[in-house]
């Protein structure tokens, strides 16, 4: 993982986040959490947008699908699906509230 951008008091505030050399997120951070910006898949396509930490998101880890759900104020919130990104099977389906299952 690599981050190119600005820090304030040791926390990311604005920049680009890369995984294995590919752009994964470009935007602003709040308390090191993705806040305003766009997320990209391995082909450079936009797969989600966050506005003040809110939005429907599909996340990938090492190029494999890992999470589908919603964020509220930078935390997982609402109905979600989480996948084992190595074996690609549904690991959890349910609700989060303020980042907790």
PDB file of N, CA and C in Angstrom:
ATOM      1  N   UNK A   1       0.833  -1.167   0.000  1.00  0.00           N
ATOM      2  CA  UNK A   1       0.000   0.000   0.000  1.00  0.00           C
ATOM      3  C   UNK A   1       0.890   1.247   0.000  1.00  0.00           C
ATOM      4  N   UNK A   2       0.371   2.268  -0.674  1.00  0.00           N
ATOM      5  CA  UNK A   2       1.143   3.504  -0.786  1.00  0.00           C
ATOM      6  C   UNK A   2       0.175   4.684  -0.778  1.00  0.00           C
ATOM      7  N   UNK A   3       0.572   5.737  -0.113  1.00  0.00           N
ATOM      8  CA  UNK A   3      -0.226   6.958  -0.080  1.00  0.00           C
ATOM      9  C   UNK A   3       0.623   8.128  -0.546  1.00  0.00           C
ATOM     10  N   UNK A   4       0.094   8.893  -1.479  1.00  0.00           N
ATOM     11  CA  UNK A   4       0.750  10.118  -1.944  1.00  0.00           C
ATOM     12  C   UNK A   4      -0.193  11.257  -1.652  1.00  0.00           C
ATOM     13  N   UNK A   5       0.228  12.159  -0.781  1.00  0.00           N
ATOM     14  CA  UNK A   5      -0.643  13.275  -0.491  1.00  0.00           C
ATOM     15  C   UNK A   5      -0.222  14.036   0.738  1.00  0.00           C
ATOM     16  N   UNK A   6      -1.197  14.642   1.362  1.00  0.00           N
ATOM     17  CA  UNK A   6      -0.948  15.508   2.504  1.00  0.00           C
ATOM     18  C   UNK A   6      -1.344  14.832   3.815  1.00  0.00           C
ATOM     19  N   UNK A   7      -0.558  15.128   4.841  1.00  0.00           N
ATOM     20  CA  UNK A   7      -0.834  14.657   6.196  1.00  0.00           C
ATOM     21  C   UNK A   7      -0.980  15.872   7.107  1.00  0.00           C
ATOM     22  N   UNK A   8      -1.746  15.706   8.148  1.00  0.00           N
ATOM     23  CA  UNK A   8      -1.845  16.710   9.196  1.00  0.00           C
ATOM     24  C   UNK A   8      -1.833  15.965  10.519  1.00  0.00           C
ATOM     25  N   UNK A   9      -0.850  16.270  11.350  1.00  0.00           N
ATOM     26  CA  UNK A   9      -0.679  15.584  12.645  1.00  0.00           C
ATOM     27  C   UNK A   9      -0.624  14.063  12.484  1.00  0.00           C
ATOM     28  N   UNK A  10       0.049  13.603  11.428  1.00  0.00           N
ATOM     29  CA  UNK A  10       0.247  12.183  11.203  1.00  0.00           C
ATOM     30  C   UNK A  10      -0.933  11.446  10.589  1.00  0.00           C
ATOM     31  N   UNK A  11      -1.978  12.157  10.195  1.00  0.00           N
ATOM     32  CA  UNK A  11      -3.170  11.549   9.595  1.00  0.00           C
ATOM     33  C   UNK A  11      -3.311  12.017   8.156  1.00  0.00           C
ATOM     34  N   UNK A  12      -3.743  11.104   7.271  1.00  0.00           N
ATOM     35  CA  UNK A  12      -3.990  11.468   5.879  1.00  0.00           C
ATOM     36  C   UNK A  12      -5.124  12.491   5.831  1.00  0.00           C
ATOM     37  N   UNK A  13      -4.976  13.515   4.982  1.00  0.00           N
ATOM     38  CA  UNK A  13      -6.079  14.464   4.808  1.00  0.00           C
ATOM     39  C   UNK A  13      -6.494  14.626   3.345  1.00  0.00           C
ATOM     40  N   UNK A  14      -5.558  14.416   2.404  1.00  0.00           N
ATOM     41  CA  UNK A  14      -5.893  14.565   0.993  1.00  0.00           C
ATOM     42  C   UNK A  14      -4.838  13.853   0.167  1.00  0.00           C
ATOM     43  N   UNK A  15      -5.291  13.081  -0.835  1.00  0.00           N
ATOM     44  CA  UNK A  15      -4.322  12.444  -1.703  1.00  0.00           C
ATOM     45  C   UNK A  15      -4.845  11.205  -2.391  1.00  0.00           C
ATOM     46  N   UNK A  16      -3.881  10.416  -2.855  1.00  0.00           N
ATOM     47  CA  UNK A  16      -4.177   9.196  -3.602  1.00  0.00           C
ATOM     48  C   UNK A  16      -3.635   7.997  -2.841  1.00  0.00           C
ATOM     49  N   UNK A  17      -4.475   6.967  -2.763  1.00  0.00           N
ATOM     50  CA  UNK A  17      -4.136   5.742  -2.052  1.00  0.00           C
ATOM     51  C   UNK A  17      -4.012   4.626  -3.087  1.00  0.00           C
ATOM     52  N   UNK A  18      -2.865   3.955  -3.093  1.00  0.00           N
ATOM     53  CA  UNK A  18      -2.590   2.895  -4.077  1.00  0.00           C
ATOM     54  C   UNK A  18      -2.453   1.543  -3.380  1.00  0.00           C
ATOM     55  N   UNK A  19      -2.894   0.491  -4.072  1.00  0.00           N
ATOM     56  CA  UNK A  19      -2.676  -0.884  -3.617  1.00  0.00           C
ATOM     57  C   UNK A  19      -2.027  -1.625  -4.773  1.00  0.00           C
ATOM     58  N   UNK A  20      -0.868  -2.215  -4.511  1.00  0.00           N
ATOM     59  CA  UNK A  20      -0.105  -2.931  -5.543  1.00  0.00           C
ATOM     60  C   UNK A  20       0.058  -2.098  -6.812  1.00  0.00           C
ATOM     61  N   UNK A  21       0.344  -0.807  -6.632  1.00  0.00           N
ATOM     62  CA  UNK A  21       0.621   0.062  -7.757  1.00  0.00           C
ATOM     63  C   UNK A  21      -0.583   0.622  -8.485  1.00  0.00           C
ATOM     64  N   UNK A  22      -1.789   0.228  -8.112  1.00  0.00           N
ATOM     65  CA  UNK A  22      -2.965   0.756  -8.805  1.00  0.00           C
ATOM     66  C   UNK A  22      -3.725   1.705  -7.892  1.00  0.00           C
ATOM     67  N   UNK A  23      -4.254   2.763  -8.495  1.00  0.00           N
ATOM     68  CA  UNK A  23      -5.023   3.748  -7.751  1.00  0.00           C
ATOM     69  C   UNK A  23      -6.277   3.096  -7.199  1.00  0.00           C
ATOM     70  N   UNK A  24      -6.468   3.195  -5.886  1.00  0.00           N
ATOM     71  CA  UNK A  24      -7.642   2.617  -5.236  1.00  0.00           C
ATOM     72  C   UNK A  24      -8.604   3.712  -4.780  1.00  0.00           C
ATOM     73  N   UNK A  25      -8.082   4.862  -4.349  1.00  0.00           N
ATOM     74  CA  UNK A  25      -8.926   5.964  -3.885  1.00  0.00           C
ATOM     75  C   UNK A  25      -8.205   7.291  -4.122  1.00  0.00           C
ATOM     76  N   UNK A  26      -8.966   8.289  -4.527  1.00  0.00           N
ATOM     77  CA  UNK A  26      -8.435   9.636  -4.738  1.00  0.00           C
ATOM     78  C   UNK A  26      -9.417  10.612  -4.104  1.00  0.00           C
ATOM     79  N   UNK A  27      -8.948  11.317  -3.082  1.00  0.00           N
ATOM     80  CA  UNK A  27      -9.845  12.270  -2.459  1.00  0.00           C
ATOM     81  C   UNK A  27      -9.356  12.748  -1.106  1.00  0.00           C
ATOM     82  N   UNK A  28     -10.312  13.104  -0.267  1.00  0.00           N
ATOM     83  CA  UNK A  28     -10.020  13.635   1.056  1.00  0.00           C
ATOM     84  C   UNK A  28     -10.297  12.590   2.126  1.00  0.00           C
ATOM     85  N   UNK A  29      -9.573  12.738   3.206  1.00  0.00           N
ATOM     86  CA  UNK A  29      -9.688  11.836   4.345  1.00  0.00           C
ATOM     87  C   UNK A  29     -10.048  12.654   5.577  1.00  0.00           C
ATOM     88  N   UNK A  30     -10.742  12.037   6.506  1.00  0.00           N
ATOM     89  CA  UNK A  30     -11.035  12.655   7.794  1.00  0.00           C
ATOM     90  C   UNK A  30     -10.672  11.643   8.867  1.00  0.00           C
ATOM     91  N   UNK A  31      -9.739  12.002   9.726  1.00  0.00           N
ATOM     92  CA  UNK A  31      -9.227  11.083  10.759  1.00  0.00           C
ATOM     93  C   UNK A  31      -8.765   9.759  10.144  1.00  0.00           C
ATOM     94  N   UNK A  32      -8.057   9.845   9.021  1.00  0.00           N
ATOM     95  CA  UNK A  32      -7.502   8.697   8.291  1.00  0.00           C
ATOM     96  C   UNK A  32      -8.566   7.844   7.598  1.00  0.00           C
ATOM     97  N   UNK A  33      -9.823   8.263   7.590  1.00  0.00           N
ATOM     98  CA  UNK A  33     -10.886   7.522   6.903  1.00  0.00           C
ATOM     99  C   UNK A  33     -11.196   8.198   5.576  1.00  0.00           C
ATOM    100  N   UNK A  34     -11.499   7.392   4.564  1.00  0.00           N
ATOM    101  CA  UNK A  34     -11.919   7.939   3.280  1.00  0.00           C
ATOM    102  C   UNK A  34     -13.168   8.776   3.533  1.00  0.00           C
ATOM    103  N   UNK A  35     -13.201   9.997   2.952  1.00  0.00           N
ATOM    104  CA  UNK A  35     -14.294  10.900   3.285  1.00  0.00           C
ATOM    105  C   UNK A  35     -14.987  11.456   2.038  1.00  0.00           C
ATOM    106  N   UNK A  36     -14.282  12.182   1.224  1.00  0.00           N
ATOM    107  CA  UNK A  36     -14.812  12.726  -0.030  1.00  0.00           C
ATOM    108  C   UNK A  36     -13.899  12.286  -1.161  1.00  0.00           C
ATOM    109  N   UNK A  37     -14.456  11.580  -2.125  1.00  0.00           N
ATOM    110  CA  UNK A  37     -13.618  11.183  -3.242  1.00  0.00           C
ATOM    111  C   UNK A  37     -14.198  10.007  -3.999  1.00  0.00           C
ATOM    112  N   UNK A  38     -13.342   9.414  -4.827  1.00  0.00           N
ATOM    113  CA  UNK A  38     -13.759   8.322  -5.702  1.00  0.00           C
ATOM    114  C   UNK A  38     -12.859   7.117  -5.501  1.00  0.00           C
ATOM    115  N   UNK A  39     -13.473   5.943  -5.558  1.00  0.00           N
ATOM    116  CA  UNK A  39     -12.748   4.685  -5.494  1.00  0.00           C
ATOM    117  C   UNK A  39     -12.741   4.022  -6.863  1.00  0.00           C
ATOM    118  N   UNK A  40     -11.672   3.294  -7.153  1.00  0.00           N
ATOM    119  CA  UNK A  40     -11.473   2.730  -8.486  1.00  0.00           C
ATOM    120  C   UNK A  40     -11.229   1.225  -8.424  1.00  0.00           C
ATOM    121  N   UNK A  41     -11.651   0.527  -9.481  1.00  0.00           N
ATOM    122  CA  UNK A  41     -11.349  -0.902  -9.586  1.00  0.00           C
ATOM    123  C   UNK A  41      -9.996  -1.089 -10.264  1.00  0.00           C
ATOM    124  N   UNK A  42      -9.625  -2.342 -10.495  1.00  0.00           N
ATOM    125  CA  UNK A  42      -8.310  -2.641 -11.065  1.00  0.00           C
ATOM    126  C   UNK A  42      -8.149  -2.170 -12.508  1.00  0.00           C
ATOM    127  N   UNK A  43      -9.266  -1.776 -13.163  1.00  0.00           N
ATOM    128  CA  UNK A  43      -9.199  -1.281 -14.544  1.00  0.00           C
ATOM    129  C   UNK A  43      -9.292   0.235 -14.620  1.00  0.00           C
ATOM    130  N   UNK A  44      -9.327   0.894 -13.455  1.00  0.00           N
ATOM    131  CA  UNK A  44      -9.405   2.345 -13.426  1.00  0.00           C
ATOM    132  C   UNK A  44     -10.810   2.901 -13.497  1.00  0.00           C
ATOM    133  N   UNK A  45     -11.814   2.019 -13.415  1.00  0.00           N
ATOM    134  CA  UNK A  45     -13.208   2.462 -13.442  1.00  0.00           C
ATOM    135  C   UNK A  45     -13.644   2.910 -12.056  1.00  0.00           C
ATOM    136  N   UNK A  46     -14.429   3.965 -11.991  1.00  0.00           N
ATOM    137  CA  UNK A  46     -14.963   4.420 -10.708  1.00  0.00           C
ATOM    138  C   UNK A  46     -15.980   3.391 -10.227  1.00  0.00           C
ATOM    139  N   UNK A  47     -15.792   2.913  -8.985  1.00  0.00           N
ATOM    140  CA  UNK A  47     -16.733   1.941  -8.445  1.00  0.00           C
ATOM    141  C   UNK A  47     -17.521   2.486  -7.261  1.00  0.00           C
ATOM    142  N   UNK A  48     -17.071   3.611  -6.708  1.00  0.00           N
ATOM    143  CA  UNK A  48     -17.870   4.265  -5.680  1.00  0.00           C
ATOM    144  C   UNK A  48     -17.426   5.705  -5.507  1.00  0.00           C
ATOM    145  N   UNK A  49     -18.335   6.480  -4.943  1.00  0.00           N
ATOM    146  CA  UNK A  49     -18.045   7.856  -4.591  1.00  0.00           C
ATOM    147  C   UNK A  49     -18.531   8.091  -3.173  1.00  0.00           C
ATOM    148  N   UNK A  50     -17.746   8.813  -2.425  1.00  0.00           N
ATOM    149  CA  UNK A  50     -18.143   9.176  -1.072  1.00  0.00           C
ATOM    150  C   UNK A  50     -18.312  10.693  -1.002  1.00  0.00           C
ATOM    151  N   UNK A  51     -19.355  11.109  -0.330  1.00  0.00           N
ATOM    152  CA  UNK A  51     -19.620  12.522  -0.123  1.00  0.00           C
ATOM    153  C   UNK A  51     -19.837  12.722   1.377  1.00  0.00           C
ATOM    154  N   UNK A  52     -18.873  13.363   2.041  1.00  0.00           N
ATOM    155  CA  UNK A  52     -18.897  13.532   3.495  1.00  0.00           C
ATOM    156  C   UNK A  52     -18.996  12.188   4.204  1.00  0.00           C
ATOM    157  N   UNK A  53     -18.301  11.202   3.670  1.00  0.00           N
ATOM    158  CA  UNK A  53     -18.243   9.884   4.293  1.00  0.00           C
ATOM    159  C   UNK A  53     -19.433   9.002   4.009  1.00  0.00           C
ATOM    160  N   UNK A  54     -20.385   9.470   3.212  1.00  0.00           N
ATOM    161  CA  UNK A  54     -21.597   8.716   2.923  1.00  0.00           C
ATOM    162  C   UNK A  54     -21.560   8.182   1.494  1.00  0.00           C
ATOM    163  N   UNK A  55     -22.128   6.994   1.299  1.00  0.00           N
ATOM    164  CA  UNK A  55     -22.259   6.469  -0.044  1.00  0.00           C
ATOM    165  C   UNK A  55     -22.335   4.961  -0.082  1.00  0.00           C
ATOM    166  N   UNK A  56     -22.840   4.457  -1.206  1.00  0.00           N
ATOM    167  CA  UNK A  56     -22.866   3.014  -1.448  1.00  0.00           C
ATOM    168  C   UNK A  56     -21.509   2.636  -2.011  1.00  0.00           C
ATOM    169  N   UNK A  57     -20.945   1.557  -1.483  1.00  0.00           N
ATOM    170  CA  UNK A  57     -19.559   1.225  -1.785  1.00  0.00           C
ATOM    171  C   UNK A  57     -19.419  -0.246  -2.146  1.00  0.00           C
ATOM    172  N   UNK A  58     -18.526  -0.494  -3.101  1.00  0.00           N
ATOM    173  CA  UNK A  58     -18.023  -1.841  -3.373  1.00  0.00           C
ATOM    174  C   UNK A  58     -16.525  -1.751  -3.185  1.00  0.00           C
ATOM    175  N   UNK A  59     -15.988  -2.566  -2.311  1.00  0.00           N
ATOM    176  CA  UNK A  59     -14.552  -2.519  -2.026  1.00  0.00           C
ATOM    177  C   UNK A  59     -13.883  -3.801  -2.478  1.00  0.00           C
ATOM    178  N   UNK A  60     -12.635  -3.643  -2.879  1.00  0.00           N
ATOM    179  CA  UNK A  60     -11.823  -4.766  -3.330  1.00  0.00           C
ATOM    180  C   UNK A  60     -10.549  -4.804  -2.506  1.00  0.00           C
ATOM    181  N   UNK A  61     -10.046  -5.991  -2.276  1.00  0.00           N
ATOM    182  CA  UNK A  61      -8.771  -6.153  -1.596  1.00  0.00           C
ATOM    183  C   UNK A  61      -7.912  -7.044  -2.473  1.00  0.00           C
ATOM    184  N   UNK A  62      -6.749  -6.560  -2.831  1.00  0.00           N
ATOM    185  CA  UNK A  62      -5.822  -7.289  -3.704  1.00  0.00           C
ATOM    186  C   UNK A  62      -6.505  -7.728  -4.993  1.00  0.00           C
ATOM    187  N   UNK A  63      -7.406  -6.876  -5.499  1.00  0.00           N
ATOM    188  CA  UNK A  63      -8.084  -7.150  -6.759  1.00  0.00           C
ATOM    189  C   UNK A  63      -9.296  -8.045  -6.648  1.00  0.00           C
ATOM    190  N   UNK A  64      -9.611  -8.541  -5.455  1.00  0.00           N
ATOM    191  CA  UNK A  64     -10.761  -9.413  -5.273  1.00  0.00           C
ATOM    192  C   UNK A  64     -11.850  -8.694  -4.482  1.00  0.00           C
ATOM    193  N   UNK A  65     -13.089  -8.993  -4.811  1.00  0.00           N
ATOM    194  CA  UNK A  65     -14.242  -8.372  -4.175  1.00  0.00           C
ATOM    195  C   UNK A  65     -14.269  -8.692  -2.691  1.00  0.00           C
ATOM    196  N   UNK A  66     -14.474  -7.677  -1.848  1.00  0.00           N
ATOM    197  CA  UNK A  66     -14.459  -7.897  -0.400  1.00  0.00           C
ATOM    198  C   UNK A  66     -15.701  -7.374   0.307  1.00  0.00           C
ATOM    199  N   UNK A  67     -16.265  -6.256  -0.133  1.00  0.00           N
ATOM    200  CA  UNK A  67     -17.336  -5.622   0.627  1.00  0.00           C
ATOM    201  C   UNK A  67     -18.309  -4.900  -0.289  1.00  0.00           C
ATOM    202  N   UNK A  68     -19.588  -4.988   0.052  1.00  0.00           N
ATOM    203  CA  UNK A  68     -20.616  -4.229  -0.647  1.00  0.00           C
ATOM    204  C   UNK A  68     -21.599  -3.721   0.395  1.00  0.00           C
ATOM    205  N   UNK A  69     -21.795  -2.434   0.436  1.00  0.00           N
ATOM    206  CA  UNK A  69     -22.711  -1.873   1.415  1.00  0.00           C
ATOM    207  C   UNK A  69     -22.636  -0.363   1.439  1.00  0.00           C
ATOM    208  N   UNK A  70     -23.033   0.196   2.571  1.00  0.00           N
ATOM    209  CA  UNK A  70     -23.087   1.646   2.689  1.00  0.00           C
ATOM    210  C   UNK A  70     -22.189   2.156   3.798  1.00  0.00           C
ATOM    211  N   UNK A  71     -21.749   3.383   3.604  1.00  0.00           N
ATOM    212  CA  UNK A  71     -20.988   4.093   4.619  1.00  0.00           C
ATOM    213  C   UNK A  71     -21.811   5.296   5.062  1.00  0.00           C
ATOM    214  N   UNK A  72     -21.716   5.627   6.327  1.00  0.00           N
ATOM    215  CA  UNK A  72     -22.330   6.821   6.873  1.00  0.00           C
ATOM    216  C   UNK A  72     -21.291   7.496   7.747  1.00  0.00           C
ATOM    217  N   UNK A  73     -20.957   8.715   7.402  1.00  0.00           N
ATOM    218  CA  UNK A  73     -19.939   9.486   8.122  1.00  0.00           C
ATOM    219  C   UNK A  73     -18.620   8.725   8.247  1.00  0.00           C
ATOM    220  N   UNK A  74     -18.243   8.025   7.162  1.00  0.00           N
ATOM    221  CA  UNK A  74     -16.952   7.354   7.106  1.00  0.00           C
ATOM    222  C   UNK A  74     -16.906   5.972   7.726  1.00  0.00           C
ATOM    223  N   UNK A  75     -18.046   5.461   8.208  1.00  0.00           N
ATOM    224  CA  UNK A  75     -18.076   4.134   8.836  1.00  0.00           C
ATOM    225  C   UNK A  75     -19.118   3.266   8.151  1.00  0.00           C
ATOM    226  N   UNK A  76     -18.862   1.955   8.133  1.00  0.00           N
ATOM    227  CA  UNK A  76     -19.848   1.032   7.585  1.00  0.00           C
ATOM    228  C   UNK A  76     -21.133   1.188   8.397  1.00  0.00           C
ATOM    229  N   UNK A  77     -22.266   1.282   7.667  1.00  0.00           N
ATOM    230  CA  UNK A  77     -23.536   1.503   8.351  1.00  0.00           C
ATOM    231  C   UNK A  77     -24.667   1.022   7.449  1.00  0.00           C
ATOM    232  N   UNK A  78     -25.556   0.238   7.982  1.00  0.00           N
ATOM    233  CA  UNK A  78     -26.676  -0.286   7.210  1.00  0.00           C
ATOM    234  C   UNK A  78     -26.418  -1.715   6.773  1.00  0.00           C
ATOM    235  N   UNK A  79     -27.207  -2.161   5.806  1.00  0.00           N
ATOM    236  CA  UNK A  79     -27.123  -3.536   5.307  1.00  0.00           C
ATOM    237  C   UNK A  79     -25.862  -3.706   4.467  1.00  0.00           C
ATOM    238  N   UNK A  80     -25.084  -4.757   4.753  1.00  0.00           N
ATOM    239  CA  UNK A  80     -23.830  -5.002   4.036  1.00  0.00           C
ATOM    240  C   UNK A  80     -23.657  -6.486   3.712  1.00  0.00           C
ATOM    241  N   UNK A  81     -22.763  -6.741   2.782  1.00  0.00           N
ATOM    242  CA  UNK A  81     -22.291  -8.091   2.480  1.00  0.00           C
ATOM    243  C   UNK A  81     -20.770  -8.046   2.506  1.00  0.00           C
ATOM    244  N   UNK A  82     -20.147  -8.979   3.218  1.00  0.00           N
ATOM    245  CA  UNK A  82     -18.694  -9.068   3.254  1.00  0.00           C
ATOM    246  C   UNK A  82     -18.283 -10.442   2.744  1.00  0.00           C
ATOM    247  N   UNK A  83     -17.227 -10.438   1.956  1.00  0.00           N
ATOM    248  CA  UNK A  83     -16.769 -11.658   1.308  1.00  0.00           C
ATOM    249  C   UNK A  83     -15.354 -12.010   1.742  1.00  0.00           C
ATOM    250  N   UNK A  84     -15.072 -13.285   1.801  1.00  0.00           N
ATOM    251  CA  UNK A  84     -13.695 -13.748   1.982  1.00  0.00           C
ATOM    252  C   UNK A  84     -13.010 -13.465   0.648  1.00  0.00           C
ATOM    253  N   UNK A  85     -12.106 -12.495   0.632  1.00  0.00           N
ATOM    254  CA  UNK A  85     -11.520 -12.046  -0.638  1.00  0.00           C
ATOM    255  C   UNK A  85     -10.565 -13.065  -1.242  1.00  0.00           C
ATOM    256  N   UNK A  86     -10.103 -14.026  -0.464  1.00  0.00           N
ATOM    257  CA  UNK A  86      -9.193 -15.043  -1.001  1.00  0.00           C
ATOM    258  C   UNK A  86      -9.983 -16.162  -1.681  1.00  0.00           C
ATOM    259  N   UNK A  87     -10.994 -16.677  -0.992  1.00  0.00           N
ATOM    260  CA  UNK A  87     -11.778 -17.792  -1.520  1.00  0.00           C
ATOM    261  C   UNK A  87     -13.076 -17.360  -2.178  1.00  0.00           C
ATOM    262  N   UNK A  88     -13.358 -16.055  -2.149  1.00  0.00           N
ATOM    263  CA  UNK A  88     -14.501 -15.463  -2.834  1.00  0.00           C
ATOM    264  C   UNK A  88     -15.845 -16.079  -2.441  1.00  0.00           C
ATOM    265  N   UNK A  89     -16.096 -16.220  -1.135  1.00  0.00           N
ATOM    266  CA  UNK A  89     -17.408 -16.668  -0.691  1.00  0.00           C
ATOM    267  C   UNK A  89     -17.985 -15.666   0.307  1.00  0.00           C
ATOM    268  N   UNK A  90     -19.308 -15.635   0.388  1.00  0.00           N
ATOM    269  CA  UNK A  90     -19.985 -14.716   1.295  1.00  0.00           C
ATOM    270  C   UNK A  90     -19.676 -15.121   2.732  1.00  0.00           C
ATOM    271  N   UNK A  91     -19.087 -14.190   3.471  1.00  0.00           N
ATOM    272  CA  UNK A  91     -18.662 -14.458   4.839  1.00  0.00           C
ATOM    273  C   UNK A  91     -19.635 -13.882   5.864  1.00  0.00           C
ATOM    274  N   UNK A  92     -20.235 -12.729   5.541  1.00  0.00           N
ATOM    275  CA  UNK A  92     -21.175 -12.078   6.452  1.00  0.00           C
ATOM    276  C   UNK A  92     -22.196 -11.300   5.649  1.00  0.00           C
ATOM    277  N   UNK A  93     -23.447 -11.429   6.029  1.00  0.00           N
ATOM    278  CA  UNK A  93     -24.524 -10.645   5.441  1.00  0.00           C
ATOM    279  C   UNK A  93     -25.389 -10.163   6.591  1.00  0.00           C
ATOM    280  N   UNK A  94     -25.475  -8.862   6.751  1.00  0.00           N
ATOM    281  CA  UNK A  94     -26.245  -8.325   7.867  1.00  0.00           C
ATOM    282  C   UNK A  94     -26.078  -6.823   7.965  1.00  0.00           C
ATOM    283  N   UNK A  95     -26.225  -6.326   9.190  1.00  0.00           N
ATOM    284  CA  UNK A  95     -26.219  -4.876   9.379  1.00  0.00           C
ATOM    285  C   UNK A  95     -25.037  -4.413  10.224  1.00  0.00           C
ATOM    286  N   UNK A  96     -24.606  -3.205   9.898  1.00  0.00           N
ATOM    287  CA  UNK A  96     -23.614  -2.473  10.682  1.00  0.00           C
ATOM    288  C   UNK A  96     -24.283  -1.228  11.228  1.00  0.00           C
ATOM    289  N   UNK A  97     -23.843  -0.803  12.378  1.00  0.00           N
ATOM    290  CA  UNK A  97     -24.275   0.468  12.930  1.00  0.00           C
ATOM    291  C   UNK A  97     -23.044   1.193  13.448  1.00  0.00           C
ATOM    292  N   UNK A  98     -22.766   2.358  12.884  1.00  0.00           N
ATOM    293  CA  UNK A  98     -21.588   3.144  13.253  1.00  0.00           C
ATOM    294  C   UNK A  98     -20.287   2.331  13.212  1.00  0.00           C
ATOM    295  N   UNK A  99     -20.130   1.498  12.195  1.00  0.00           N
ATOM    296  CA  UNK A  99     -18.898   0.756  11.998  1.00  0.00           C
ATOM    297  C   UNK A  99     -18.813  -0.566  12.740  1.00  0.00           C
ATOM    298  N   UNK A 100     -19.872  -0.957  13.447  1.00  0.00           N
ATOM    299  CA  UNK A 100     -19.859  -2.217  14.207  1.00  0.00           C
ATOM    300  C   UNK A 100     -20.989  -3.118  13.757  1.00  0.00           C
ATOM    301  N   UNK A 101     -20.687  -4.405  13.706  1.00  0.00           N
ATOM    302  CA  UNK A 101     -21.721  -5.393  13.327  1.00  0.00           C
ATOM    303  C   UNK A 101     -22.812  -5.448  14.361  1.00  0.00           C
TER     304      UNK A 101
END
